[in-house]
Amino acid sequence: ALALMLLIIAAWRKSRTFQTFSLIANYTLILWGGYLFLMQMHSYAHTSNPEEFGVATVVSESSDKSVSAIVETPEESQEAQWSNPFTISIPARSSTEYKINIAKEASIEYSWETDKGKLFFDFHGEPKGDMTGYFKSYKKDTSEKHQGSLTAPFEGTHGWYWKNSNTHNVVVTLKLKGSYSLIDKP
């Protein structure tokens, strides 16, 4: 098949139409290569410095904004009801995500704290089965701890993205209570 293709291309190269095709194809590849480079650099800027960019959310017309509620809780209450703490280790200068499944209109309470150092975090959710890349950020900040509650505006995964910009590893201790299910982690 390759030998046949080489013979056809060799014969085609001698015609005037090949020069035109070659010029158009090369300029198209150069333009698409430049576009791809710009897209990759734009994506890199967002992942390497997410705290410099605004919350990237898309509001769908069918979403009921009155269902979603974040309530900051000043004090932890009823310590005995919290789940066993989950510990998540985040290496220096890297990031991780931790997610749970929550049904629509189900509520959770959460509390997390680092062992040392502040982390950039984005508490967000993604609808079940959505293939568009839509997500809703509930809270974005840089802190060493955070607590609150969420009534899920949709069924799907909800969780935290943490970025460790420190030069040392940081361990996050996460406690949860409410109606949720764990997503298996490796």
N, C-alpha and C. Protein backbone atom coordinates (compact mmCIF):
# COMPACT_ATOMS: atom_id res chain seq x y z
N ALA A 1 0.84 -1.20 0.00
CA ALA A 1 0.00 0.00 0.00
C ALA A 1 0.88 1.25 0.00
N LEU A 2 1.96 1.23 0.81
CA LEU A 2 2.85 2.40 0.84
C LEU A 2 3.57 2.58 -0.49
N ALA A 3 3.98 1.49 -1.10
CA ALA A 3 4.67 1.59 -2.40
C ALA A 3 3.73 2.18 -3.45
N LEU A 4 2.48 1.75 -3.44
CA LEU A 4 1.50 2.28 -4.38
C LEU A 4 1.28 3.77 -4.14
N MET A 5 1.17 4.16 -2.86
CA MET A 5 0.98 5.58 -2.53
C MET A 5 2.18 6.41 -2.97
N LEU A 6 3.40 5.90 -2.79
CA LEU A 6 4.60 6.62 -3.22
C LEU A 6 4.62 6.80 -4.74
N LEU A 7 4.20 5.79 -5.48
CA LEU A 7 4.15 5.90 -6.94
C LEU A 7 3.13 6.96 -7.36
N ILE A 8 1.96 6.98 -6.74
CA ILE A 8 0.92 7.96 -7.08
C ILE A 8 1.40 9.37 -6.74
N ILE A 9 2.00 9.54 -5.57
CA ILE A 9 2.48 10.87 -5.16
C ILE A 9 3.61 11.32 -6.08
N ALA A 10 4.51 10.41 -6.43
CA ALA A 10 5.62 10.76 -7.33
C ALA A 10 5.09 11.24 -8.67
N ALA A 11 4.06 10.58 -9.19
CA ALA A 11 3.47 11.01 -10.46
C ALA A 11 2.75 12.35 -10.29
N TRP A 12 2.06 12.52 -9.16
CA TRP A 12 1.31 13.75 -8.92
C TRP A 12 2.23 14.96 -8.74
N ARG A 13 3.41 14.73 -8.17
CA ARG A 13 4.35 15.83 -7.91
C ARG A 13 4.77 16.55 -9.19
N LYS A 14 4.69 15.88 -10.29
CA LYS A 14 5.11 16.48 -11.56
C LYS A 14 4.04 17.40 -12.16
N SER A 15 2.82 17.37 -11.59
CA SER A 15 1.75 18.21 -12.14
C SER A 15 1.72 19.58 -11.44
N ARG A 16 1.07 20.55 -12.11
CA ARG A 16 0.95 21.90 -11.56
C ARG A 16 0.04 21.93 -10.32
N THR A 17 -0.96 21.07 -10.25
CA THR A 17 -1.90 21.10 -9.12
C THR A 17 -1.22 20.69 -7.81
N PHE A 18 -0.15 19.90 -7.89
CA PHE A 18 0.54 19.49 -6.66
C PHE A 18 1.19 20.69 -5.98
N GLN A 19 1.77 21.61 -6.75
CA GLN A 19 2.39 22.80 -6.17
C GLN A 19 1.37 23.62 -5.39
N THR A 20 0.19 23.81 -5.96
CA THR A 20 -0.87 24.57 -5.29
C THR A 20 -1.33 23.84 -4.03
N PHE A 21 -1.57 22.55 -4.16
CA PHE A 21 -1.97 21.75 -3.00
C PHE A 21 -0.92 21.81 -1.90
N SER A 22 0.35 21.66 -2.28
CA SER A 22 1.44 21.67 -1.31
C SER A 22 1.50 23.00 -0.56
N LEU A 23 1.37 24.10 -1.29
CA LEU A 23 1.42 25.42 -0.66
C LEU A 23 0.26 25.60 0.31
N ILE A 24 -0.95 25.27 -0.10
CA ILE A 24 -2.12 25.41 0.77
C ILE A 24 -2.00 24.49 1.99
N ALA A 25 -1.58 23.24 1.77
CA ALA A 25 -1.45 22.29 2.88
C ALA A 25 -0.41 22.76 3.89
N ASN A 26 0.73 23.25 3.43
CA ASN A 26 1.77 23.70 4.35
C ASN A 26 1.34 24.92 5.16
N TYR A 27 0.72 25.91 4.50
CA TYR A 27 0.26 27.08 5.24
C TYR A 27 -0.84 26.71 6.24
N THR A 28 -1.71 25.81 5.86
CA THR A 28 -2.77 25.35 6.78
C THR A 28 -2.15 24.67 7.99
N LEU A 29 -1.16 23.80 7.78
CA LEU A 29 -0.49 23.14 8.91
C LEU A 29 0.22 24.15 9.80
N ILE A 30 0.85 25.16 9.23
CA ILE A 30 1.53 26.18 10.03
C ILE A 30 0.51 26.95 10.88
N LEU A 31 -0.61 27.35 10.27
CA LEU A 31 -1.63 28.08 11.02
C LEU A 31 -2.23 27.23 12.14
N TRP A 32 -2.56 25.98 11.85
CA TRP A 32 -3.12 25.10 12.87
C TRP A 32 -2.09 24.81 13.97
N GLY A 33 -0.84 24.69 13.61
CA GLY A 33 0.23 24.49 14.60
C GLY A 33 0.34 25.69 15.54
N GLY A 34 0.26 26.90 14.97
CA GLY A 34 0.29 28.11 15.79
C GLY A 34 -0.91 28.20 16.71
N TYR A 35 -2.09 27.86 16.18
CA TYR A 35 -3.31 27.85 16.99
C TYR A 35 -3.20 26.84 18.13
N LEU A 36 -2.71 25.64 17.83
CA LEU A 36 -2.54 24.62 18.86
C LEU A 36 -1.55 25.08 19.93
N PHE A 37 -0.45 25.72 19.51
CA PHE A 37 0.53 26.25 20.47
C PHE A 37 -0.13 27.27 21.40
N LEU A 38 -0.91 28.20 20.83
CA LEU A 38 -1.57 29.21 21.67
C LEU A 38 -2.57 28.58 22.63
N MET A 39 -3.32 27.58 22.17
CA MET A 39 -4.28 26.90 23.05
C MET A 39 -3.55 26.18 24.19
N GLN A 40 -2.45 25.51 23.89
CA GLN A 40 -1.70 24.81 24.92
C GLN A 40 -1.12 25.80 25.93
N MET A 41 -0.59 26.92 25.48
CA MET A 41 -0.04 27.92 26.39
C MET A 41 -1.14 28.53 27.25
N HIS A 42 -2.31 28.75 26.66
CA HIS A 42 -3.43 29.30 27.43
C HIS A 42 -3.85 28.30 28.52
N SER A 43 -3.94 27.04 28.18
CA SER A 43 -4.30 26.01 29.15
C SER A 43 -3.24 25.90 30.24
N TYR A 44 -1.97 25.98 29.85
CA TYR A 44 -0.89 25.91 30.83
C TYR A 44 -0.97 27.07 31.82
N ALA A 45 -1.27 28.25 31.33
CA ALA A 45 -1.38 29.41 32.22
C ALA A 45 -2.48 29.21 33.25
N HIS A 46 -3.60 28.60 32.84
CA HIS A 46 -4.71 28.37 33.77
C HIS A 46 -4.37 27.29 34.78
N THR A 47 -3.64 26.25 34.40
CA THR A 47 -3.34 25.18 35.35
C THR A 47 -2.14 25.51 36.22
N SER A 48 -1.20 26.32 35.72
CA SER A 48 -0.03 26.64 36.54
C SER A 48 -0.31 27.76 37.53
N ASN A 49 -1.26 28.65 37.23
CA ASN A 49 -1.60 29.76 38.12
C ASN A 49 -3.11 29.94 38.21
N PRO A 50 -3.86 28.95 38.69
CA PRO A 50 -5.32 29.07 38.67
C PRO A 50 -5.86 30.19 39.54
N GLU A 51 -5.11 30.56 40.57
CA GLU A 51 -5.61 31.60 41.45
C GLU A 51 -5.63 32.97 40.79
N GLU A 52 -4.94 33.13 39.65
CA GLU A 52 -4.92 34.40 38.96
C GLU A 52 -6.11 34.59 38.03
N PHE A 53 -6.89 33.53 37.82
CA PHE A 53 -8.00 33.59 36.88
C PHE A 53 -9.31 33.52 37.62
N GLY A 54 -10.34 34.12 37.06
CA GLY A 54 -11.66 34.12 37.68
C GLY A 54 -12.28 32.74 37.67
N VAL A 55 -13.39 32.62 38.35
CA VAL A 55 -14.12 31.36 38.41
C VAL A 55 -14.67 31.07 37.02
N ALA A 56 -14.33 29.91 36.47
CA ALA A 56 -14.77 29.54 35.12
C ALA A 56 -16.01 28.68 35.21
N THR A 57 -17.15 29.31 35.29
CA THR A 57 -18.39 28.55 35.37
C THR A 57 -19.31 28.95 34.24
N VAL A 58 -20.16 28.05 33.88
CA VAL A 58 -21.17 28.30 32.86
C VAL A 58 -22.51 28.06 33.53
N VAL A 59 -23.41 28.99 33.44
CA VAL A 59 -24.72 28.83 34.04
C VAL A 59 -25.67 28.37 32.96
N SER A 60 -26.23 27.19 33.13
CA SER A 60 -27.19 26.71 32.14
C SER A 60 -28.54 27.32 32.42
N GLU A 61 -29.31 27.52 31.37
CA GLU A 61 -30.60 28.17 31.52
C GLU A 61 -31.58 27.32 32.32
N SER A 62 -31.37 26.01 32.32
CA SER A 62 -32.32 25.14 33.01
C SER A 62 -31.99 24.95 34.49
N SER A 63 -30.85 25.50 34.95
CA SER A 63 -30.48 25.28 36.34
C SER A 63 -31.32 26.15 37.26
N ASP A 64 -31.68 25.60 38.41
CA ASP A 64 -32.47 26.31 39.40
C ASP A 64 -31.50 26.91 40.41
N LYS A 65 -31.24 28.21 40.31
CA LYS A 65 -30.25 28.87 41.16
C LYS A 65 -30.67 28.90 42.62
N SER A 66 -31.94 28.75 42.91
CA SER A 66 -32.41 28.83 44.29
C SER A 66 -32.09 27.55 45.08
N VAL A 67 -31.71 26.48 44.37
CA VAL A 67 -31.47 25.21 45.06
C VAL A 67 -30.09 25.20 45.71
N SER A 68 -29.11 25.82 45.08
CA SER A 68 -27.73 25.78 45.56
C SER A 68 -27.55 26.70 46.76
N ALA A 69 -26.90 26.18 47.78
CA ALA A 69 -26.67 27.01 48.95
C ALA A 69 -25.38 26.61 49.64
N ILE A 70 -24.51 27.56 49.87
CA ILE A 70 -23.30 27.35 50.65
C ILE A 70 -23.49 28.16 51.92
N VAL A 71 -23.30 27.52 53.03
CA VAL A 71 -23.43 28.20 54.30
C VAL A 71 -22.13 28.00 55.06
N GLU A 72 -21.42 29.07 55.30
CA GLU A 72 -20.19 28.98 56.09
C GLU A 72 -20.58 28.77 57.55
N THR A 73 -20.00 27.75 58.16
CA THR A 73 -20.31 27.48 59.56
C THR A 73 -19.15 27.94 60.42
N PRO A 74 -19.39 28.79 61.41
CA PRO A 74 -18.30 29.32 62.20
C PRO A 74 -17.65 28.29 63.13
N GLU A 75 -18.38 27.35 63.63
CA GLU A 75 -17.86 26.35 64.55
C GLU A 75 -18.28 24.97 64.11
N GLU A 76 -17.40 23.98 64.33
CA GLU A 76 -17.79 22.61 64.06
C GLU A 76 -18.79 22.18 65.14
N SER A 77 -19.86 21.52 64.71
CA SER A 77 -20.86 21.09 65.68
C SER A 77 -20.98 19.58 65.65
N GLN A 78 -21.27 19.00 66.77
CA GLN A 78 -21.52 17.57 66.92
C GLN A 78 -20.39 16.75 66.29
N GLU A 79 -19.20 16.89 66.85
CA GLU A 79 -17.99 16.23 66.34
C GLU A 79 -18.17 14.74 66.13
N ALA A 80 -18.97 14.08 66.93
CA ALA A 80 -19.13 12.62 66.83
C ALA A 80 -19.76 12.19 65.51
N GLN A 81 -20.47 13.07 64.81
CA GLN A 81 -21.15 12.71 63.57
C GLN A 81 -20.25 12.81 62.34
N TRP A 82 -19.08 13.39 62.46
CA TRP A 82 -18.18 13.51 61.32
C TRP A 82 -17.69 12.14 60.90
N SER A 83 -17.41 11.99 59.61
CA SER A 83 -16.82 10.75 59.10
C SER A 83 -15.42 10.59 59.67
N ASN A 84 -14.89 9.38 59.55
CA ASN A 84 -13.47 9.22 59.87
C ASN A 84 -12.71 10.15 58.93
N PRO A 85 -11.71 10.84 59.44
CA PRO A 85 -11.01 11.81 58.58
C PRO A 85 -10.32 11.11 57.40
N PHE A 86 -10.38 11.76 56.25
CA PHE A 86 -9.64 11.33 55.07
C PHE A 86 -8.37 12.16 55.03
N THR A 87 -7.25 11.54 54.80
CA THR A 87 -6.00 12.30 54.67
C THR A 87 -5.55 12.23 53.22
N ILE A 88 -5.26 13.39 52.68
CA ILE A 88 -4.84 13.52 51.29
C ILE A 88 -3.49 14.22 51.30
N SER A 89 -2.46 13.53 50.80
CA SER A 89 -1.12 14.09 50.74
C SER A 89 -0.91 14.76 49.39
N ILE A 90 -0.45 16.01 49.42
CA ILE A 90 -0.22 16.76 48.19
C ILE A 90 1.27 17.12 48.14
N PRO A 91 2.01 16.53 47.20
CA PRO A 91 3.44 16.82 47.09
C PRO A 91 3.70 18.30 46.80
N ALA A 92 4.91 18.73 47.11
CA ALA A 92 5.31 20.12 46.85
C ALA A 92 5.14 20.45 45.37
N ARG A 93 4.65 21.65 45.12
CA ARG A 93 4.47 22.17 43.76
C ARG A 93 3.66 21.27 42.85
N SER A 94 2.58 20.71 43.39
CA SER A 94 1.68 19.90 42.57
C SER A 94 0.25 20.12 43.06
N SER A 95 -0.68 19.37 42.48
CA SER A 95 -2.08 19.55 42.84
C SER A 95 -2.79 18.20 42.84
N THR A 96 -3.99 18.18 43.43
CA THR A 96 -4.80 16.97 43.44
C THR A 96 -6.26 17.36 43.57
N GLU A 97 -7.13 16.40 43.26
CA GLU A 97 -8.57 16.59 43.42
C GLU A 97 -9.12 15.45 44.27
N TYR A 98 -10.14 15.76 45.06
CA TYR A 98 -10.84 14.74 45.84
C TYR A 98 -12.33 14.99 45.65
N LYS A 99 -13.05 13.96 45.17
CA LYS A 99 -14.46 14.14 44.86
C LYS A 99 -15.32 13.07 45.50
N ILE A 100 -16.60 13.45 45.71
CA ILE A 100 -17.61 12.54 46.23
C ILE A 100 -18.86 12.67 45.36
N ASN A 101 -19.72 11.67 45.39
CA ASN A 101 -21.00 11.73 44.68
C ASN A 101 -22.06 12.27 45.62
N ILE A 102 -22.87 13.19 45.13
CA ILE A 102 -23.98 13.76 45.92
C ILE A 102 -25.21 13.79 45.03
N ALA A 103 -26.35 13.37 45.57
CA ALA A 103 -27.62 13.42 44.84
C ALA A 103 -28.15 14.86 44.83
N LYS A 104 -29.02 15.16 43.87
CA LYS A 104 -29.62 16.49 43.79
C LYS A 104 -30.39 16.81 45.07
N GLU A 105 -30.16 17.99 45.59
CA GLU A 105 -30.79 18.52 46.80
C GLU A 105 -30.37 17.82 48.09
N ALA A 106 -29.38 16.91 48.01
CA ALA A 106 -28.82 16.30 49.22
C ALA A 106 -27.86 17.30 49.85
N SER A 107 -27.69 17.20 51.17
CA SER A 107 -26.83 18.14 51.88
C SER A 107 -25.65 17.44 52.52
N ILE A 108 -24.53 18.15 52.55
CA ILE A 108 -23.34 17.68 53.27
C ILE A 108 -22.78 18.84 54.08
N GLU A 109 -22.02 18.49 55.08
CA GLU A 109 -21.18 19.44 55.80
C GLU A 109 -19.76 18.96 55.65
N TYR A 110 -18.83 19.88 55.60
CA TYR A 110 -17.43 19.51 55.39
C TYR A 110 -16.52 20.39 56.22
N SER A 111 -15.36 19.87 56.48
CA SER A 111 -14.31 20.62 57.17
C SER A 111 -12.98 20.03 56.74
N TRP A 112 -12.06 20.87 56.30
CA TRP A 112 -10.73 20.38 55.98
C TRP A 112 -9.69 21.36 56.52
N GLU A 113 -8.51 20.81 56.77
CA GLU A 113 -7.43 21.60 57.34
C GLU A 113 -6.10 21.00 56.90
N THR A 114 -5.10 21.86 56.69
CA THR A 114 -3.77 21.38 56.30
C THR A 114 -2.91 21.20 57.54
N ASP A 115 -1.86 20.39 57.39
CA ASP A 115 -0.93 20.23 58.51
C ASP A 115 0.05 21.38 58.58
N LYS A 116 0.38 21.98 57.43
CA LYS A 116 1.27 23.15 57.40
C LYS A 116 1.17 23.83 56.05
N GLY A 117 0.94 25.10 56.06
CA GLY A 117 0.92 25.88 54.83
C GLY A 117 -0.45 26.05 54.23
N LYS A 118 -0.58 27.13 53.46
CA LYS A 118 -1.84 27.43 52.78
C LYS A 118 -1.86 26.76 51.41
N LEU A 119 -3.07 26.44 50.95
CA LEU A 119 -3.27 25.86 49.63
C LEU A 119 -4.31 26.69 48.88
N PHE A 120 -4.13 26.81 47.58
CA PHE A 120 -5.20 27.33 46.74
C PHE A 120 -6.21 26.21 46.61
N PHE A 121 -7.52 26.52 46.74
CA PHE A 121 -8.53 25.48 46.57
C PHE A 121 -9.71 26.00 45.77
N ASP A 122 -10.37 25.06 45.11
CA ASP A 122 -11.60 25.33 44.36
C ASP A 122 -12.58 24.23 44.73
N PHE A 123 -13.63 24.58 45.47
CA PHE A 123 -14.70 23.64 45.83
C PHE A 123 -15.74 23.75 44.73
N HIS A 124 -16.00 22.66 44.01
CA HIS A 124 -16.83 22.72 42.81
C HIS A 124 -17.60 21.42 42.60
N GLY A 125 -18.51 21.45 41.63
CA GLY A 125 -19.29 20.27 41.29
C GLY A 125 -19.49 20.15 39.79
N GLU A 126 -19.67 18.90 39.34
CA GLU A 126 -19.91 18.62 37.93
C GLU A 126 -21.14 17.72 37.82
N PRO A 127 -22.12 18.06 36.97
CA PRO A 127 -23.33 17.24 36.84
C PRO A 127 -23.03 15.84 36.31
N LYS A 128 -23.78 14.88 36.78
CA LYS A 128 -23.63 13.49 36.34
C LYS A 128 -23.97 13.39 34.85
N GLY A 129 -23.12 12.72 34.11
CA GLY A 129 -23.35 12.48 32.69
C GLY A 129 -23.08 13.66 31.77
N ASP A 130 -22.67 14.80 32.30
CA ASP A 130 -22.42 15.97 31.47
C ASP A 130 -21.12 15.78 30.70
N MET A 131 -21.15 15.98 29.41
CA MET A 131 -19.96 15.81 28.57
C MET A 131 -19.46 17.14 28.02
N THR A 132 -20.02 18.25 28.46
CA THR A 132 -19.65 19.56 27.92
C THR A 132 -18.49 20.20 28.67
N GLY A 133 -18.10 19.67 29.81
CA GLY A 133 -17.05 20.29 30.62
C GLY A 133 -17.59 21.30 31.62
N TYR A 134 -18.91 21.43 31.71
CA TYR A 134 -19.52 22.36 32.65
C TYR A 134 -19.16 21.99 34.09
N PHE A 135 -18.85 22.97 34.89
CA PHE A 135 -18.72 22.78 36.33
C PHE A 135 -19.12 24.07 37.02
N LYS A 136 -19.50 23.93 38.28
CA LYS A 136 -19.90 25.10 39.06
C LYS A 136 -18.97 25.22 40.25
N SER A 137 -18.27 26.35 40.34
CA SER A 137 -17.41 26.62 41.50
C SER A 137 -18.26 27.21 42.60
N TYR A 138 -18.13 26.65 43.80
CA TYR A 138 -18.87 27.15 44.96
C TYR A 138 -18.00 28.09 45.79
N LYS A 139 -16.71 27.77 45.88
CA LYS A 139 -15.81 28.59 46.69
C LYS A 139 -14.40 28.42 46.16
N LYS A 140 -13.70 29.53 45.96
CA LYS A 140 -12.31 29.55 45.53
C LYS A 140 -11.55 30.48 46.45
N ASP A 141 -10.41 30.02 46.96
CA ASP A 141 -9.65 30.86 47.88
C ASP A 141 -8.29 30.22 48.10
N THR A 142 -7.46 30.88 48.87
CA THR A 142 -6.20 30.32 49.34
C THR A 142 -6.26 30.35 50.86
N SER A 143 -6.13 29.17 51.47
CA SER A 143 -6.31 29.08 52.91
C SER A 143 -5.65 27.81 53.45
N GLU A 144 -5.54 27.72 54.77
CA GLU A 144 -5.03 26.50 55.40
C GLU A 144 -6.16 25.64 55.95
N LYS A 145 -7.41 26.18 55.93
CA LYS A 145 -8.56 25.40 56.36
C LYS A 145 -9.83 26.03 55.82
N HIS A 146 -10.87 25.22 55.76
CA HIS A 146 -12.16 25.73 55.31
C HIS A 146 -13.25 24.77 55.78
N GLN A 147 -14.39 25.30 56.10
CA GLN A 147 -15.53 24.47 56.50
C GLN A 147 -16.81 25.13 56.04
N GLY A 148 -17.84 24.33 55.87
CA GLY A 148 -19.12 24.85 55.43
C GLY A 148 -20.08 23.73 55.12
N SER A 149 -21.12 24.04 54.36
CA SER A 149 -22.10 23.04 53.97
C SER A 149 -22.54 23.32 52.54
N LEU A 150 -23.13 22.31 51.93
CA LEU A 150 -23.59 22.42 50.55
C LEU A 150 -24.88 21.64 50.39
N THR A 151 -25.87 22.27 49.75
CA THR A 151 -27.04 21.56 49.25
C THR A 151 -26.84 21.49 47.75
N ALA A 152 -26.68 20.29 47.22
CA ALA A 152 -26.29 20.10 45.83
C ALA A 152 -27.36 20.60 44.86
N PRO A 153 -27.02 21.46 43.91
CA PRO A 153 -27.99 21.94 42.93
C PRO A 153 -28.27 20.92 41.83
N PHE A 154 -27.45 19.87 41.74
CA PHE A 154 -27.62 18.83 40.73
C PHE A 154 -26.95 17.56 41.23
N GLU A 155 -27.35 16.42 40.66
CA GLU A 155 -26.70 15.16 40.98
C GLU A 155 -25.38 15.10 40.23
N GLY A 156 -24.34 14.64 40.92
CA GLY A 156 -23.04 14.52 40.27
C GLY A 156 -21.91 14.47 41.27
N THR A 157 -20.70 14.70 40.76
CA THR A 157 -19.52 14.71 41.62
C THR A 157 -19.29 16.12 42.12
N HIS A 158 -18.92 16.21 43.37
CA HIS A 158 -18.62 17.48 44.01
C HIS A 158 -17.33 17.26 44.80
N GLY A 159 -16.49 18.25 44.85
CA GLY A 159 -15.26 18.05 45.59
C GLY A 159 -14.32 19.23 45.53
N TRP A 160 -13.08 18.95 45.87
CA TRP A 160 -12.08 19.98 46.05
C TRP A 160 -10.91 19.74 45.13
N TYR A 161 -10.41 20.84 44.57
CA TYR A 161 -9.14 20.86 43.86
C TYR A 161 -8.21 21.65 44.75
N TRP A 162 -7.08 21.06 45.13
CA TRP A 162 -6.09 21.75 45.94
C TRP A 162 -4.79 21.88 45.16
N LYS A 163 -4.18 23.06 45.20
CA LYS A 163 -2.89 23.28 44.57
C LYS A 163 -1.89 23.67 45.65
N ASN A 164 -0.80 22.90 45.73
CA ASN A 164 0.26 23.15 46.71
C ASN A 164 1.39 23.90 46.01
N SER A 165 1.50 25.20 46.25
CA SER A 165 2.59 26.00 45.68
C SER A 165 3.78 26.06 46.62
N ASN A 166 3.68 25.39 47.77
CA ASN A 166 4.76 25.38 48.76
C ASN A 166 5.92 24.53 48.28
N THR A 167 7.06 24.68 48.95
CA THR A 167 8.24 23.87 48.64
C THR A 167 8.29 22.60 49.48
N HIS A 168 7.24 22.34 50.24
CA HIS A 168 7.15 21.14 51.06
C HIS A 168 5.79 20.45 50.83
N ASN A 169 5.75 19.16 51.15
CA ASN A 169 4.50 18.41 51.05
C ASN A 169 3.50 18.93 52.08
N VAL A 170 2.23 18.85 51.74
CA VAL A 170 1.16 19.27 52.65
C VAL A 170 0.14 18.13 52.73
N VAL A 171 -0.31 17.85 53.96
CA VAL A 171 -1.34 16.83 54.16
C VAL A 171 -2.63 17.53 54.54
N VAL A 172 -3.70 17.21 53.81
CA VAL A 172 -5.03 17.76 54.08
C VAL A 172 -5.82 16.71 54.84
N THR A 173 -6.47 17.11 55.93
CA THR A 173 -7.37 16.24 56.67
C THR A 173 -8.79 16.71 56.40
N LEU A 174 -9.58 15.85 55.77
CA LEU A 174 -10.94 16.18 55.35
C LEU A 174 -11.94 15.38 56.16
N LYS A 175 -12.96 16.08 56.70
CA LYS A 175 -14.05 15.42 57.42
C LYS A 175 -15.36 15.78 56.74
N LEU A 176 -16.25 14.79 56.64
CA LEU A 176 -17.54 14.98 55.98
C LEU A 176 -18.66 14.41 56.82
N LYS A 177 -19.86 14.95 56.63
CA LYS A 177 -21.07 14.31 57.15
C LYS A 177 -22.23 14.72 56.27
N GLY A 178 -23.22 13.85 56.18
CA GLY A 178 -24.36 14.12 55.34
C GLY A 178 -24.61 13.00 54.35
N SER A 179 -25.34 13.30 53.29
CA SER A 179 -25.72 12.31 52.28
C SER A 179 -24.77 12.37 51.10
N TYR A 180 -23.83 11.45 51.05
CA TYR A 180 -22.86 11.38 49.96
C TYR A 180 -22.37 9.95 49.83
N SER A 181 -21.72 9.65 48.71
CA SER A 181 -21.04 8.37 48.56
C SER A 181 -19.64 8.63 48.04
N LEU A 182 -18.72 7.78 48.47
CA LEU A 182 -17.32 7.95 48.08
C LEU A 182 -17.09 7.46 46.66
N ILE A 183 -16.15 8.09 46.00
CA ILE A 183 -15.69 7.62 44.70
C ILE A 183 -14.41 6.85 44.98
N ASP A 184 -14.32 5.62 44.46
CA ASP A 184 -13.12 4.82 44.71
C ASP A 184 -11.88 5.53 44.23
N LYS A 185 -10.89 5.60 45.11
CA LYS A 185 -9.61 6.21 44.79
C LYS A 185 -8.56 5.11 44.73
N PRO A 186 -7.58 5.24 43.80
CA PRO A 186 -6.52 4.22 43.75
C PRO A 186 -5.63 4.27 44.96
